[in-house]
Amino acid sequence: MHTAYLGVASLAALMNGFAASMNFVGANFVKAVADKVQVSQKWMVPFGVLLAAGAVGLVAGVAVPAVGIAAAIGLVVYFICALGAHVRVGDRNVGGAITFLLLAVASLATDVGFHQHW
């Protein structure tokens, strides 16, 4: 379980860190998604902060399990909301939101499983 936990948490941290950096630099594809789901582009930096906090929390969770669990829960909630934003406007291009949501759920499951909080 230790290897699965480290692998999933590392992948989730890297992907969310990348997503956060794209929000911070105002990448065109991030702006296009924001426009598509009718979310103001001025929310991209605060969303990036949430993603970055989740990524850092997952990494910190290796040393402090409660922080990792809290970060994974936060990312699950974030991506449920992101998925809801796509559904709200009838956007069927939800692959990214679902992928990140499943990765956050996997991070939470492996974190809890590794630290035996079942």
PDB file of N, CA and C in Angstrom:
ATOM      1  N   MET A   1       0.820  -1.197   0.000  1.00  0.00           N
ATOM      2  CA  MET A   1       0.000   0.000   0.000  1.00  0.00           C
ATOM      3  C   MET A   1       0.861   1.257   0.000  1.00  0.00           C
ATOM      4  N   HIS A   2       2.048   1.174   0.599  1.00  0.00           N
ATOM      5  CA  HIS A   2       2.931   2.325   0.669  1.00  0.00           C
ATOM      6  C   HIS A   2       3.318   2.823  -0.729  1.00  0.00           C
ATOM      7  N   THR A   3       3.649   1.898  -1.625  1.00  0.00           N
ATOM      8  CA  THR A   3       4.051   2.274  -2.981  1.00  0.00           C
ATOM      9  C   THR A   3       2.877   2.898  -3.732  1.00  0.00           C
ATOM     10  N   ALA A   4       1.701   2.307  -3.598  1.00  0.00           N
ATOM     11  CA  ALA A   4       0.509   2.855  -4.262  1.00  0.00           C
ATOM     12  C   ALA A   4       0.210   4.257  -3.737  1.00  0.00           C
ATOM     13  N   TYR A   5       0.277   4.412  -2.430  1.00  0.00           N
ATOM     14  CA  TYR A   5       0.020   5.715  -1.814  1.00  0.00           C
ATOM     15  C   TYR A   5       0.995   6.768  -2.342  1.00  0.00           C
ATOM     16  N   LEU A   6       2.293   6.454  -2.313  1.00  0.00           N
ATOM     17  CA  LEU A   6       3.282   7.420  -2.787  1.00  0.00           C
ATOM     18  C   LEU A   6       3.125   7.717  -4.275  1.00  0.00           C
ATOM     19  N   GLY A   7       2.833   6.700  -5.062  1.00  0.00           N
ATOM     20  CA  GLY A   7       2.657   6.897  -6.500  1.00  0.00           C
ATOM     21  C   GLY A   7       1.459   7.766  -6.826  1.00  0.00           C
ATOM     22  N   VAL A   8       0.326   7.441  -6.218  1.00  0.00           N
ATOM     23  CA  VAL A   8      -0.905   8.192  -6.498  1.00  0.00           C
ATOM     24  C   VAL A   8      -0.791   9.621  -5.968  1.00  0.00           C
ATOM     25  N   ALA A   9      -0.290   9.769  -4.749  1.00  0.00           N
ATOM     26  CA  ALA A   9      -0.157  11.113  -4.171  1.00  0.00           C
ATOM     27  C   ALA A   9       0.818  11.961  -4.988  1.00  0.00           C
ATOM     28  N   SER A  10       1.902  11.357  -5.442  1.00  0.00           N
ATOM     29  CA  SER A  10       2.881  12.093  -6.255  1.00  0.00           C
ATOM     30  C   SER A  10       2.281  12.523  -7.588  1.00  0.00           C
ATOM     31  N   LEU A  11       1.596  11.602  -8.251  1.00  0.00           N
ATOM     32  CA  LEU A  11       0.969  11.933  -9.531  1.00  0.00           C
ATOM     33  C   LEU A  11      -0.081  13.030  -9.351  1.00  0.00           C
ATOM     34  N   ALA A  12      -0.906  12.901  -8.322  1.00  0.00           N
ATOM     35  CA  ALA A  12      -1.932  13.915  -8.070  1.00  0.00           C
ATOM     36  C   ALA A  12      -1.308  15.267  -7.764  1.00  0.00           C
ATOM     37  N   ALA A  13      -0.236  15.266  -6.974  1.00  0.00           N
ATOM     38  CA  ALA A  13       0.433  16.523  -6.640  1.00  0.00           C
ATOM     39  C   ALA A  13       1.028  17.166  -7.892  1.00  0.00           C
ATOM     40  N   LEU A  14       1.673  16.367  -8.725  1.00  0.00           N
ATOM     41  CA  LEU A  14       2.262  16.910  -9.956  1.00  0.00           C
ATOM     42  C   LEU A  14       1.199  17.468 -10.894  1.00  0.00           C
ATOM     43  N   MET A  15       0.130  16.711 -11.095  1.00  0.00           N
ATOM     44  CA  MET A  15      -0.915  17.169 -12.019  1.00  0.00           C
ATOM     45  C   MET A  15      -1.618  18.423 -11.502  1.00  0.00           C
ATOM     46  N   ASN A  16      -1.906  18.462 -10.204  1.00  0.00           N
ATOM     47  CA  ASN A  16      -2.567  19.642  -9.658  1.00  0.00           C
ATOM     48  C   ASN A  16      -1.626  20.836  -9.602  1.00  0.00           C
ATOM     49  N   GLY A  17      -0.347  20.575  -9.361  1.00  0.00           N
ATOM     50  CA  GLY A  17       0.638  21.660  -9.424  1.00  0.00           C
ATOM     51  C   GLY A  17       0.732  22.247 -10.820  1.00  0.00           C
ATOM     52  N   PHE A  18       0.720  21.373 -11.823  1.00  0.00           N
ATOM     53  CA  PHE A  18       0.741  21.845 -13.209  1.00  0.00           C
ATOM     54  C   PHE A  18      -0.517  22.660 -13.519  1.00  0.00           C
ATOM     55  N   ALA A  19      -1.673  22.141 -13.108  1.00  0.00           N
ATOM     56  CA  ALA A  19      -2.929  22.855 -13.355  1.00  0.00           C
ATOM     57  C   ALA A  19      -2.906  24.226 -12.668  1.00  0.00           C
ATOM     58  N   ALA A  20      -2.383  24.271 -11.454  1.00  0.00           N
ATOM     59  CA  ALA A  20      -2.287  25.544 -10.733  1.00  0.00           C
ATOM     60  C   ALA A  20      -1.401  26.527 -11.499  1.00  0.00           C
ATOM     61  N   SER A  21      -0.265  26.036 -11.990  1.00  0.00           N
ATOM     62  CA  SER A  21       0.642  26.933 -12.719  1.00  0.00           C
ATOM     63  C   SER A  21      -0.009  27.458 -13.993  1.00  0.00           C
ATOM     64  N   MET A  22      -0.803  26.639 -14.657  1.00  0.00           N
ATOM     65  CA  MET A  22      -1.504  27.093 -15.857  1.00  0.00           C
ATOM     66  C   MET A  22      -2.531  28.167 -15.510  1.00  0.00           C
ATOM     67  N   ASN A  23      -3.170  28.037 -14.353  1.00  0.00           N
ATOM     68  CA  ASN A  23      -4.097  29.077 -13.904  1.00  0.00           C
ATOM     69  C   ASN A  23      -3.336  30.373 -13.613  1.00  0.00           C
ATOM     70  N   PHE A  24      -2.174  30.249 -12.954  1.00  0.00           N
ATOM     71  CA  PHE A  24      -1.403  31.440 -12.589  1.00  0.00           C
ATOM     72  C   PHE A  24      -0.899  32.208 -13.802  1.00  0.00           C
ATOM     73  N   VAL A  25      -0.486  31.502 -14.848  1.00  0.00           N
ATOM     74  CA  VAL A  25       0.051  32.195 -16.027  1.00  0.00           C
ATOM     75  C   VAL A  25      -1.041  32.591 -17.014  1.00  0.00           C
ATOM     76  N   GLY A  26      -2.280  32.199 -16.748  1.00  0.00           N
ATOM     77  CA  GLY A  26      -3.384  32.569 -17.633  1.00  0.00           C
ATOM     78  C   GLY A  26      -3.334  31.877 -18.978  1.00  0.00           C
ATOM     79  N   ALA A  27      -3.064  30.583 -18.964  1.00  0.00           N
ATOM     80  CA  ALA A  27      -2.996  29.814 -20.202  1.00  0.00           C
ATOM     81  C   ALA A  27      -4.305  29.928 -20.986  1.00  0.00           C
ATOM     82  N   ASN A  28      -4.181  30.001 -22.294  1.00  0.00           N
ATOM     83  CA  ASN A  28      -5.367  30.177 -23.136  1.00  0.00           C
ATOM     84  C   ASN A  28      -6.386  29.067 -22.969  1.00  0.00           C
ATOM     85  N   PHE A  29      -5.926  27.807 -22.815  1.00  0.00           N
ATOM     86  CA  PHE A  29      -6.894  26.722 -22.681  1.00  0.00           C
ATOM     87  C   PHE A  29      -7.651  26.818 -21.348  1.00  0.00           C
ATOM     88  N   VAL A  30      -7.030  27.367 -20.327  1.00  0.00           N
ATOM     89  CA  VAL A  30      -7.720  27.568 -19.046  1.00  0.00           C
ATOM     90  C   VAL A  30      -8.788  28.654 -19.209  1.00  0.00           C
ATOM     91  N   LYS A  31      -8.432  29.720 -19.904  1.00  0.00           N
ATOM     92  CA  LYS A  31      -9.398  30.788 -20.157  1.00  0.00           C
ATOM     93  C   LYS A  31     -10.571  30.283 -20.990  1.00  0.00           C
ATOM     94  N   ALA A  32     -10.284  29.429 -21.970  1.00  0.00           N
ATOM     95  CA  ALA A  32     -11.345  28.892 -22.820  1.00  0.00           C
ATOM     96  C   ALA A  32     -12.313  28.034 -22.014  1.00  0.00           C
ATOM     97  N   VAL A  33     -11.783  27.226 -21.105  1.00  0.00           N
ATOM     98  CA  VAL A  33     -12.659  26.397 -20.259  1.00  0.00           C
ATOM     99  C   VAL A  33     -13.489  27.290 -19.346  1.00  0.00           C
ATOM    100  N   ALA A  34     -12.867  28.318 -18.771  1.00  0.00           N
ATOM    101  CA  ALA A  34     -13.602  29.243 -17.903  1.00  0.00           C
ATOM    102  C   ALA A  34     -14.753  29.897 -18.664  1.00  0.00           C
ATOM    103  N   ASP A  35     -14.473  30.332 -19.883  1.00  0.00           N
ATOM    104  CA  ASP A  35     -15.525  30.939 -20.697  1.00  0.00           C
ATOM    105  C   ASP A  35     -16.631  29.935 -21.010  1.00  0.00           C
ATOM    106  N   LYS A  36     -16.229  28.710 -21.316  1.00  0.00           N
ATOM    107  CA  LYS A  36     -17.205  27.673 -21.682  1.00  0.00           C
ATOM    108  C   LYS A  36     -18.164  27.362 -20.529  1.00  0.00           C
ATOM    109  N   VAL A  37     -17.633  27.348 -19.300  1.00  0.00           N
ATOM    110  CA  VAL A  37     -18.484  27.020 -18.147  1.00  0.00           C
ATOM    111  C   VAL A  37     -19.022  28.278 -17.462  1.00  0.00           C
ATOM    112  N   GLN A  38     -18.825  29.423 -18.110  1.00  0.00           N
ATOM    113  CA  GLN A  38     -19.359  30.706 -17.655  1.00  0.00           C
ATOM    114  C   GLN A  38     -18.864  31.090 -16.257  1.00  0.00           C
ATOM    115  N   VAL A  39     -17.561  30.928 -16.058  1.00  0.00           N
ATOM    116  CA  VAL A  39     -16.906  31.351 -14.824  1.00  0.00           C
ATOM    117  C   VAL A  39     -15.967  32.491 -15.202  1.00  0.00           C
ATOM    118  N   SER A  40     -16.031  33.581 -14.451  1.00  0.00           N
ATOM    119  CA  SER A  40     -15.191  34.737 -14.739  1.00  0.00           C
ATOM    120  C   SER A  40     -13.712  34.354 -14.691  1.00  0.00           C
ATOM    121  N   GLN A  41     -12.953  34.882 -15.640  1.00  0.00           N
ATOM    122  CA  GLN A  41     -11.520  34.600 -15.692  1.00  0.00           C
ATOM    123  C   GLN A  41     -10.782  35.175 -14.484  1.00  0.00           C
ATOM    124  N   LYS A  42     -11.378  36.123 -13.799  1.00  0.00           N
ATOM    125  CA  LYS A  42     -10.710  36.658 -12.609  1.00  0.00           C
ATOM    126  C   LYS A  42     -10.663  35.636 -11.469  1.00  0.00           C
ATOM    127  N   TRP A  43     -11.385  34.535 -11.598  1.00  0.00           N
ATOM    128  CA  TRP A  43     -11.341  33.450 -10.601  1.00  0.00           C
ATOM    129  C   TRP A  43     -10.194  32.475 -10.849  1.00  0.00           C
ATOM    130  N   MET A  44      -9.471  32.637 -11.949  1.00  0.00           N
ATOM    131  CA  MET A  44      -8.432  31.660 -12.281  1.00  0.00           C
ATOM    132  C   MET A  44      -7.291  31.646 -11.265  1.00  0.00           C
ATOM    133  N   VAL A  45      -6.864  32.796 -10.776  1.00  0.00           N
ATOM    134  CA  VAL A  45      -5.785  32.811  -9.779  1.00  0.00           C
ATOM    135  C   VAL A  45      -6.262  32.202  -8.451  1.00  0.00           C
ATOM    136  N   PRO A  46      -7.448  32.592  -7.932  1.00  0.00           N
ATOM    137  CA  PRO A  46      -7.903  31.913  -6.703  1.00  0.00           C
ATOM    138  C   PRO A  46      -8.068  30.393  -6.888  1.00  0.00           C
ATOM    139  N   PHE A  47      -8.547  29.967  -8.042  1.00  0.00           N
ATOM    140  CA  PHE A  47      -8.643  28.525  -8.290  1.00  0.00           C
ATOM    141  C   PHE A  47      -7.254  27.904  -8.339  1.00  0.00           C
ATOM    142  N   GLY A  48      -6.301  28.611  -8.911  1.00  0.00           N
ATOM    143  CA  GLY A  48      -4.925  28.135  -8.933  1.00  0.00           C
ATOM    144  C   GLY A  48      -4.361  27.990  -7.526  1.00  0.00           C
ATOM    145  N   VAL A  49      -4.707  28.929  -6.650  1.00  0.00           N
ATOM    146  CA  VAL A  49      -4.254  28.844  -5.257  1.00  0.00           C
ATOM    147  C   VAL A  49      -4.818  27.584  -4.600  1.00  0.00           C
ATOM    148  N   LEU A  50      -6.084  27.288  -4.854  1.00  0.00           N
ATOM    149  CA  LEU A  50      -6.685  26.076  -4.289  1.00  0.00           C
ATOM    150  C   LEU A  50      -5.997  24.815  -4.810  1.00  0.00           C
ATOM    151  N   LEU A  51      -5.733  24.793  -6.105  1.00  0.00           N
ATOM    152  CA  LEU A  51      -5.052  23.635  -6.686  1.00  0.00           C
ATOM    153  C   LEU A  51      -3.634  23.494  -6.130  1.00  0.00           C
ATOM    154  N   ALA A  52      -2.926  24.605  -6.012  1.00  0.00           N
ATOM    155  CA  ALA A  52      -1.566  24.569  -5.469  1.00  0.00           C
ATOM    156  C   ALA A  52      -1.579  24.122  -4.009  1.00  0.00           C
ATOM    157  N   ALA A  53      -2.536  24.617  -3.249  1.00  0.00           N
ATOM    158  CA  ALA A  53      -2.639  24.201  -1.843  1.00  0.00           C
ATOM    159  C   ALA A  53      -2.910  22.701  -1.746  1.00  0.00           C
ATOM    160  N   GLY A  54      -3.753  22.194  -2.628  1.00  0.00           N
ATOM    161  CA  GLY A  54      -4.011  20.756  -2.650  1.00  0.00           C
ATOM    162  C   GLY A  54      -2.765  19.965  -2.981  1.00  0.00           C
ATOM    163  N   ALA A  55      -2.000  20.434  -3.954  1.00  0.00           N
ATOM    164  CA  ALA A  55      -0.766  19.749  -4.350  1.00  0.00           C
ATOM    165  C   ALA A  55       0.242  19.750  -3.207  1.00  0.00           C
ATOM    166  N   VAL A  56       0.432  20.896  -2.583  1.00  0.00           N
ATOM    167  CA  VAL A  56       1.372  20.993  -1.466  1.00  0.00           C
ATOM    168  C   VAL A  56       0.891  20.130  -0.297  1.00  0.00           C
ATOM    169  N   GLY A  57      -0.403  20.142  -0.057  1.00  0.00           N
ATOM    170  CA  GLY A  57      -0.959  19.338   1.027  1.00  0.00           C
ATOM    171  C   GLY A  57      -0.759  17.850   0.821  1.00  0.00           C
ATOM    172  N   LEU A  58      -0.884  17.395  -0.429  1.00  0.00           N
ATOM    173  CA  LEU A  58      -0.646  15.981  -0.712  1.00  0.00           C
ATOM    174  C   LEU A  58       0.796  15.598  -0.434  1.00  0.00           C
ATOM    175  N   VAL A  59       1.715  16.472  -0.800  1.00  0.00           N
ATOM    176  CA  VAL A  59       3.136  16.211  -0.541  1.00  0.00           C
ATOM    177  C   VAL A  59       3.398  16.230   0.968  1.00  0.00           C
ATOM    178  N   ALA A  60       2.850  17.216   1.652  1.00  0.00           N
ATOM    179  CA  ALA A  60       3.043  17.320   3.102  1.00  0.00           C
ATOM    180  C   ALA A  60       2.408  16.133   3.827  1.00  0.00           C
ATOM    181  N   GLY A  61       1.399  15.541   3.212  1.00  0.00           N
ATOM    182  CA  GLY A  61       0.711  14.407   3.819  1.00  0.00           C
ATOM    183  C   GLY A  61       1.583  13.190   4.019  1.00  0.00           C
ATOM    184  N   VAL A  62       2.702  13.128   3.323  1.00  0.00           N
ATOM    185  CA  VAL A  62       3.640  12.023   3.534  1.00  0.00           C
ATOM    186  C   VAL A  62       4.182  12.093   4.961  1.00  0.00           C
ATOM    187  N   ALA A  63       4.436  13.302   5.442  1.00  0.00           N
ATOM    188  CA  ALA A  63       4.963  13.489   6.796  1.00  0.00           C
ATOM    189  C   ALA A  63       3.858  13.690   7.827  1.00  0.00           C
ATOM    190  N   VAL A  64       2.778  14.361   7.422  1.00  0.00           N
ATOM    191  CA  VAL A  64       1.675  14.663   8.342  1.00  0.00           C
ATOM    192  C   VAL A  64       0.388  14.131   7.712  1.00  0.00           C
ATOM    193  N   PRO A  65      -0.005  12.901   8.051  1.00  0.00           N
ATOM    194  CA  PRO A  65      -1.145  12.260   7.382  1.00  0.00           C
ATOM    195  C   PRO A  65      -2.432  13.083   7.368  1.00  0.00           C
ATOM    196  N   ALA A  66      -2.732  13.788   8.430  1.00  0.00           N
ATOM    197  CA  ALA A  66      -3.972  14.567   8.477  1.00  0.00           C
ATOM    198  C   ALA A  66      -3.983  15.655   7.407  1.00  0.00           C
ATOM    199  N   VAL A  67      -2.825  16.227   7.114  1.00  0.00           N
ATOM    200  CA  VAL A  67      -2.736  17.271   6.084  1.00  0.00           C
ATOM    201  C   VAL A  67      -3.011  16.659   4.710  1.00  0.00           C
ATOM    202  N   GLY A  68      -2.448  15.486   4.442  1.00  0.00           N
ATOM    203  CA  GLY A  68      -2.686  14.816   3.169  1.00  0.00           C
ATOM    204  C   GLY A  68      -4.143  14.449   2.979  1.00  0.00           C
ATOM    205  N   ILE A  69      -4.770  13.966   4.035  1.00  0.00           N
ATOM    206  CA  ILE A  69      -6.189  13.597   3.958  1.00  0.00           C
ATOM    207  C   ILE A  69      -7.031  14.839   3.721  1.00  0.00           C
ATOM    208  N   ALA A  70      -6.733  15.917   4.440  1.00  0.00           N
ATOM    209  CA  ALA A  70      -7.479  17.168   4.249  1.00  0.00           C
ATOM    210  C   ALA A  70      -7.298  17.700   2.830  1.00  0.00           C
ATOM    211  N   ALA A  71      -6.081  17.628   2.311  1.00  0.00           N
ATOM    212  CA  ALA A  71      -5.821  18.091   0.942  1.00  0.00           C
ATOM    213  C   ALA A  71      -6.590  17.254  -0.066  1.00  0.00           C
ATOM    214  N   ALA A  72      -6.589  15.941   0.113  1.00  0.00           N
ATOM    215  CA  ALA A  72      -7.312  15.067  -0.817  1.00  0.00           C
ATOM    216  C   ALA A  72      -8.817  15.341  -0.763  1.00  0.00           C
ATOM    217  N   ILE A  73      -9.346  15.535   0.426  1.00  0.00           N
ATOM    218  CA  ILE A  73     -10.776  15.864   0.557  1.00  0.00           C
ATOM    219  C   ILE A  73     -11.069  17.187  -0.143  1.00  0.00           C
ATOM    220  N   GLY A  74     -10.208  18.173   0.069  1.00  0.00           N
ATOM    221  CA  GLY A  74     -10.389  19.468  -0.591  1.00  0.00           C
ATOM    222  C   GLY A  74     -10.381  19.351  -2.099  1.00  0.00           C
ATOM    223  N   LEU A  75      -9.481  18.531  -2.633  1.00  0.00           N
ATOM    224  CA  LEU A  75      -9.425  18.348  -4.090  1.00  0.00           C
ATOM    225  C   LEU A  75     -10.652  17.591  -4.596  1.00  0.00           C
ATOM    226  N   VAL A  76     -11.143  16.632  -3.839  1.00  0.00           N
ATOM    227  CA  VAL A  76     -12.371  15.934  -4.243  1.00  0.00           C
ATOM    228  C   VAL A  76     -13.521  16.941  -4.340  1.00  0.00           C
ATOM    229  N   VAL A  77     -13.668  17.768  -3.331  1.00  0.00           N
ATOM    230  CA  VAL A  77     -14.738  18.775  -3.343  1.00  0.00           C
ATOM    231  C   VAL A  77     -14.549  19.750  -4.508  1.00  0.00           C
ATOM    232  N   TYR A  78     -13.314  20.199  -4.721  1.00  0.00           N
ATOM    233  CA  TYR A  78     -13.019  21.130  -5.813  1.00  0.00           C
ATOM    234  C   TYR A  78     -13.467  20.541  -7.149  1.00  0.00           C
ATOM    235  N   PHE A  79     -13.103  19.282  -7.404  1.00  0.00           N
ATOM    236  CA  PHE A  79     -13.411  18.707  -8.714  1.00  0.00           C
ATOM    237  C   PHE A  79     -14.865  18.269  -8.844  1.00  0.00           C
ATOM    238  N   ILE A  80     -15.543  18.012  -7.750  1.00  0.00           N
ATOM    239  CA  ILE A  80     -16.995  17.817  -7.828  1.00  0.00           C
ATOM    240  C   ILE A  80     -17.646  19.121  -8.268  1.00  0.00           C
ATOM    241  N   CYS A  81     -17.182  20.225  -7.699  1.00  0.00           N
ATOM    242  CA  CYS A  81     -17.707  21.541  -8.100  1.00  0.00           C
ATOM    243  C   CYS A  81     -17.362  21.853  -9.557  1.00  0.00           C
ATOM    244  N   ALA A  82     -16.140  21.510  -9.978  1.00  0.00           N
ATOM    245  CA  ALA A  82     -15.748  21.736 -11.372  1.00  0.00           C
ATOM    246  C   ALA A  82     -16.631  20.933 -12.312  1.00  0.00           C
ATOM    247  N   LEU A  83     -16.871  19.692 -11.963  1.00  0.00           N
ATOM    248  CA  LEU A  83     -17.754  18.847 -12.774  1.00  0.00           C
ATOM    249  C   LEU A  83     -19.159  19.440 -12.810  1.00  0.00           C
ATOM    250  N   GLY A  84     -19.610  19.925 -11.673  1.00  0.00           N
ATOM    251  CA  GLY A  84     -20.928  20.569 -11.612  1.00  0.00           C
ATOM    252  C   GLY A  84     -21.008  21.789 -12.501  1.00  0.00           C
ATOM    253  N   ALA A  85     -19.922  22.559 -12.596  1.00  0.00           N
ATOM    254  CA  ALA A  85     -19.909  23.741 -13.469  1.00  0.00           C
ATOM    255  C   ALA A  85     -20.077  23.334 -14.924  1.00  0.00           C
ATOM    256  N   HIS A  86     -19.445  22.242 -15.328  1.00  0.00           N
ATOM    257  CA  HIS A  86     -19.597  21.750 -16.700  1.00  0.00           C
ATOM    258  C   HIS A  86     -21.025  21.276 -16.952  1.00  0.00           C
ATOM    259  N   VAL A  87     -21.567  20.531 -16.017  1.00  0.00           N
ATOM    260  CA  VAL A  87     -22.928  19.995 -16.164  1.00  0.00           C
ATOM    261  C   VAL A  87     -23.944  21.133 -16.197  1.00  0.00           C
ATOM    262  N   ARG A  88     -23.705  22.156 -15.368  1.00  0.00           N
ATOM    263  CA  ARG A  88     -24.632  23.294 -15.284  1.00  0.00           C
ATOM    264  C   ARG A  88     -24.865  23.961 -16.631  1.00  0.00           C
ATOM    265  N   VAL A  89     -23.815  24.038 -17.459  1.00  0.00           N
ATOM    266  CA  VAL A  89     -23.942  24.703 -18.757  1.00  0.00           C
ATOM    267  C   VAL A  89     -24.135  23.717 -19.902  1.00  0.00           C
ATOM    268  N   GLY A  90     -24.273  22.431 -19.569  1.00  0.00           N
ATOM    269  CA  GLY A  90     -24.500  21.422 -20.596  1.00  0.00           C
ATOM    270  C   GLY A  90     -23.261  21.042 -21.381  1.00  0.00           C
ATOM    271  N   ASP A  91     -22.082  21.300 -20.815  1.00  0.00           N
ATOM    272  CA  ASP A  91     -20.825  20.958 -21.484  1.00  0.00           C
ATOM    273  C   ASP A  91     -20.539  19.474 -21.277  1.00  0.00           C
ATOM    274  N   ARG A  92     -20.402  18.753 -22.368  1.00  0.00           N
ATOM    275  CA  ARG A  92     -20.131  17.317 -22.271  1.00  0.00           C
ATOM    276  C   ARG A  92     -18.642  16.998 -22.266  1.00  0.00           C
ATOM    277  N   ASN A  93     -17.812  18.006 -22.379  1.00  0.00           N
ATOM    278  CA  ASN A  93     -16.363  17.815 -22.375  1.00  0.00           C
ATOM    279  C   ASN A  93     -15.876  17.829 -20.918  1.00  0.00           C
ATOM    280  N   VAL A  94     -16.155  16.733 -20.208  1.00  0.00           N
ATOM    281  CA  VAL A  94     -15.864  16.658 -18.778  1.00  0.00           C
ATOM    282  C   VAL A  94     -14.721  15.689 -18.457  1.00  0.00           C
ATOM    283  N   GLY A  95     -14.025  15.233 -19.474  1.00  0.00           N
ATOM    284  CA  GLY A  95     -12.961  14.249 -19.266  1.00  0.00           C
ATOM    285  C   GLY A  95     -11.892  14.717 -18.300  1.00  0.00           C
ATOM    286  N   GLY A  96     -11.466  15.959 -18.422  1.00  0.00           N
ATOM    287  CA  GLY A  96     -10.439  16.488 -17.528  1.00  0.00           C
ATOM    288  C   GLY A  96     -10.917  16.552 -16.092  1.00  0.00           C
ATOM    289  N   ALA A  97     -12.119  17.063 -15.892  1.00  0.00           N
ATOM    290  CA  ALA A  97     -12.668  17.165 -14.534  1.00  0.00           C
ATOM    291  C   ALA A  97     -12.837  15.779 -13.911  1.00  0.00           C
ATOM    292  N   ILE A  98     -13.307  14.832 -14.694  1.00  0.00           N
ATOM    293  CA  ILE A  98     -13.480  13.469 -14.174  1.00  0.00           C
ATOM    294  C   ILE A  98     -12.133  12.830 -13.862  1.00  0.00           C
ATOM    295  N   THR A  99     -11.161  13.029 -14.726  1.00  0.00           N
ATOM    296  CA  THR A  99      -9.827  12.470 -14.491  1.00  0.00           C
ATOM    297  C   THR A  99      -9.232  13.009 -13.194  1.00  0.00           C
ATOM    298  N   PHE A 100      -9.286  14.319 -13.019  1.00  0.00           N
ATOM    299  CA  PHE A 100      -8.743  14.919 -11.803  1.00  0.00           C
ATOM    300  C   PHE A 100      -9.547  14.493 -10.573  1.00  0.00           C
ATOM    301  N   LEU A 101     -10.865  14.368 -10.715  1.00  0.00           N
ATOM    302  CA  LEU A 101     -11.696  13.914  -9.600  1.00  0.00           C
ATOM    303  C   LEU A 101     -11.327  12.491  -9.200  1.00  0.00           C
ATOM    304  N   LEU A 102     -11.193  11.606 -10.173  1.00  0.00           N
ATOM    305  CA  LEU A 102     -10.835  10.223  -9.861  1.00  0.00           C
ATOM    306  C   LEU A 102      -9.446  10.145  -9.224  1.00  0.00           C
ATOM    307  N   LEU A 103      -8.539  10.967  -9.674  1.00  0.00           N
ATOM    308  CA  LEU A 103      -7.198  10.991  -9.084  1.00  0.00           C
ATOM    309  C   LEU A 103      -7.253  11.490  -7.637  1.00  0.00           C
ATOM    310  N   ALA A 104      -8.088  12.489  -7.377  1.00  0.00           N
ATOM    311  CA  ALA A 104      -8.239  12.986  -6.003  1.00  0.00           C
ATOM    312  C   ALA A 104      -8.872  11.919  -5.111  1.00  0.00           C
ATOM    313  N   VAL A 105      -9.863  11.205  -5.628  1.00  0.00           N
ATOM    314  CA  VAL A 105     -10.493  10.117  -4.864  1.00  0.00           C
ATOM    315  C   VAL A 105      -9.473   9.017  -4.594  1.00  0.00           C
ATOM    316  N   ALA A 106      -8.674   8.670  -5.604  1.00  0.00           N
ATOM    317  CA  ALA A 106      -7.648   7.648  -5.425  1.00  0.00           C
ATOM    318  C   ALA A 106      -6.613   8.098  -4.388  1.00  0.00           C
ATOM    319  N   SER A 107      -6.258   9.372  -4.399  1.00  0.00           N
ATOM    320  CA  SER A 107      -5.320   9.897  -3.404  1.00  0.00           C
ATOM    321  C   SER A 107      -5.898   9.762  -2.002  1.00  0.00           C
ATOM    322  N   LEU A 108      -7.164  10.109  -1.867  1.00  0.00           N
ATOM    323  CA  LEU A 108      -7.810  10.000  -0.567  1.00  0.00           C
ATOM    324  C   LEU A 108      -7.873   8.543  -0.107  1.00  0.00           C
ATOM    325  N   ALA A 109      -8.273   7.655  -1.003  1.00  0.00           N
ATOM    326  CA  ALA A 109      -8.403   6.240  -0.636  1.00  0.00           C
ATOM    327  C   ALA A 109      -7.067   5.621  -0.251  1.00  0.00           C
ATOM    328  N   THR A 110      -6.040   5.894  -1.039  1.00  0.00           N
ATOM    329  CA  THR A 110      -4.738   5.300  -0.715  1.00  0.00           C
ATOM    330  C   THR A 110      -4.130   5.937   0.537  1.00  0.00           C
ATOM    331  N   ASP A 111      -4.390   7.221   0.733  1.00  0.00           N
ATOM    332  CA  ASP A 111      -3.882   7.885   1.938  1.00  0.00           C
ATOM    333  C   ASP A 111      -4.529   7.283   3.186  1.00  0.00           C
ATOM    334  N   VAL A 112      -5.836   7.190   3.175  1.00  0.00           N
ATOM    335  CA  VAL A 112      -6.548   6.613   4.312  1.00  0.00           C
ATOM    336  C   VAL A 112      -6.151   5.153   4.494  1.00  0.00           C
ATOM    337  N   GLY A 113      -6.068   4.412   3.397  1.00  0.00           N
ATOM    338  CA  GLY A 113      -5.684   3.008   3.482  1.00  0.00           C
ATOM    339  C   GLY A 113      -4.280   2.823   4.010  1.00  0.00           C
ATOM    340  N   PHE A 114      -3.353   3.630   3.542  1.00  0.00           N
ATOM    341  CA  PHE A 114      -1.970   3.518   3.999  1.00  0.00           C
ATOM    342  C   PHE A 114      -1.836   3.859   5.465  1.00  0.00           C
ATOM    343  N   HIS A 115      -2.519   4.879   5.887  1.00  0.00           N
ATOM    344  CA  HIS A 115      -2.411   5.296   7.282  1.00  0.00           C
ATOM    345  C   HIS A 115      -3.425   4.585   8.176  1.00  0.00           C
ATOM    346  N   GLN A 116      -4.108   3.589   7.616  1.00  0.00           N
ATOM    347  CA  GLN A 116      -5.022   2.692   8.339  1.00  0.00           C
ATOM    348  C   GLN A 116      -6.089   3.433   9.125  1.00  0.00           C
ATOM    349  N   HIS A 117      -6.753   4.351   8.449  1.00  0.00           N
ATOM    350  CA  HIS A 117      -7.875   5.072   9.058  1.00  0.00           C
ATOM    351  C   HIS A 117      -9.217   4.467   8.670  1.00  0.00           C
ATOM    352  N   TRP A 118      -9.233   3.276   8.111  1.00  0.00           N
ATOM    353  CA  TRP A 118     -10.506   2.678   7.668  1.00  0.00           C
ATOM    354  C   TRP A 118     -11.404   2.479   8.836  1.00  0.00           C
TER     355      TRP A 118
END
